[in-house]
Protein backbone atom coordinates (compact mmCIF):
# COMPACT_ATOMS: atom_id res chain seq x y z
CA MET A 1 213.53 -192.16 21.56
CA ASN A 2 216.99 -190.86 22.48
CA ILE A 3 218.26 -187.50 21.35
CA THR A 4 221.40 -187.62 19.21
CA SER A 5 224.35 -185.37 19.90
CA GLU A 6 223.68 -183.44 16.68
CA GLU A 7 220.13 -182.71 17.82
CA LYS A 8 221.44 -181.57 21.22
CA LYS A 9 223.92 -179.23 19.55
CA GLU A 10 221.09 -177.81 17.45
CA ILE A 11 218.96 -177.19 20.56
CA PHE A 12 221.88 -175.58 22.42
CA LYS A 13 222.69 -173.39 19.42
CA LYS A 14 219.09 -172.22 19.13
CA TYR A 15 218.26 -171.66 22.82
CA GLY A 16 221.64 -171.18 24.50
CA LYS A 17 223.21 -167.79 25.01
CA THR A 18 226.15 -168.84 22.81
CA GLY A 19 226.55 -171.75 20.40
CA GLU A 20 228.33 -173.94 22.96
CA ASP A 21 226.24 -172.91 25.98
CA THR A 22 224.85 -176.03 27.64
CA GLY A 23 224.36 -174.71 31.15
CA SER A 24 221.93 -171.84 30.76
CA PRO A 25 218.42 -172.46 32.07
CA GLU A 26 216.94 -171.70 28.63
CA ALA A 27 219.04 -174.39 26.94
CA GLN A 28 218.34 -176.97 29.64
CA ILE A 29 214.59 -176.28 29.57
CA ALA A 30 214.57 -176.66 25.78
CA LEU A 31 216.42 -179.98 26.04
CA PHE A 32 214.07 -181.25 28.77
CA THR A 33 211.08 -180.22 26.65
CA GLU A 34 212.36 -182.20 23.68
CA ARG A 35 212.95 -185.26 25.87
CA ILE A 36 209.48 -184.89 27.45
CA ASN A 37 207.84 -184.71 24.02
CA ARG A 38 209.64 -187.87 22.88
CA LEU A 39 208.77 -189.79 26.05
CA THR A 40 205.14 -188.71 25.74
CA GLU A 41 204.99 -190.12 22.21
CA HIS A 42 206.61 -193.35 23.43
CA LEU A 43 204.05 -193.72 26.22
CA LYS A 44 201.17 -193.31 23.78
CA ASP A 45 202.22 -196.61 22.18
CA HIS A 46 203.48 -198.37 25.32
CA LYS A 47 200.92 -197.63 28.00
CA GLN A 48 202.26 -200.21 30.47
CA ASP A 49 205.82 -198.82 30.55
CA HIS A 50 205.74 -197.59 34.13
CA SER A 51 209.48 -196.98 34.52
CA THR A 52 209.44 -194.60 31.56
CA ARG A 53 206.40 -192.88 33.03
CA LEU A 54 208.31 -192.33 36.28
CA GLY A 55 211.26 -190.90 34.35
CA LEU A 56 208.88 -188.60 32.49
CA LEU A 57 207.44 -187.30 35.75
CA ARG A 58 210.94 -186.61 37.07
CA LEU A 59 211.83 -184.68 33.91
CA VAL A 60 208.66 -182.63 34.18
CA GLY A 61 209.57 -181.78 37.77
CA LYS A 62 213.10 -180.75 36.81
CA ARG A 63 211.79 -178.58 33.99
CA ARG A 64 209.24 -176.98 36.32
CA LYS A 65 211.97 -176.10 38.84
CA LEU A 66 214.12 -174.53 36.12
CA LEU A 67 211.13 -172.61 34.78
CA ASN A 68 210.39 -171.26 38.26
CA TYR A 69 214.04 -170.21 38.62
CA LEU A 70 214.00 -168.47 35.24
CA MET A 71 210.73 -166.74 36.09
CA ARG A 72 212.25 -165.35 39.30
CA LYS A 73 215.49 -164.22 37.64
CA ASP A 74 214.36 -162.96 34.20
CA ILE A 75 210.63 -162.75 33.51
CA LYS A 76 211.12 -161.55 29.91
CA ALA A 77 213.31 -164.54 29.03
CA TYR A 78 210.76 -166.83 30.74
CA ARG A 79 207.85 -165.46 28.71
CA LYS A 80 209.83 -165.63 25.48
CA LEU A 81 210.92 -169.22 26.13
CA ILE A 82 207.48 -170.62 27.01
CA GLN A 83 206.04 -168.92 23.94
CA GLU A 84 208.75 -170.38 21.65
CA LEU A 85 208.50 -173.88 23.12
CA GLY A 86 204.72 -173.89 23.29
CA ILE A 87 204.54 -174.74 26.99
CA ARG A 88 202.50 -172.98 29.61
CA LYS A 89 202.07 -173.10 33.33
């Protein structure tokens, strides 16, 4: 369920502005999306895990805020990112 450091580095390399960029909105949104996908799979098997469900809702909220920020600042990057990640509003 957890993301290993190698997987994080791979995500940051793919979506960050540079290979070591961990702070850009694109990299953070990609990391949140990966975590959300893993938590969703976990909740399919463990339907009564309410604390994980709450954590999932918080992650979705954080991702939504970052997506709104990115949409305001750079609409082209926003459109490219949601198309690559397969998420939509």
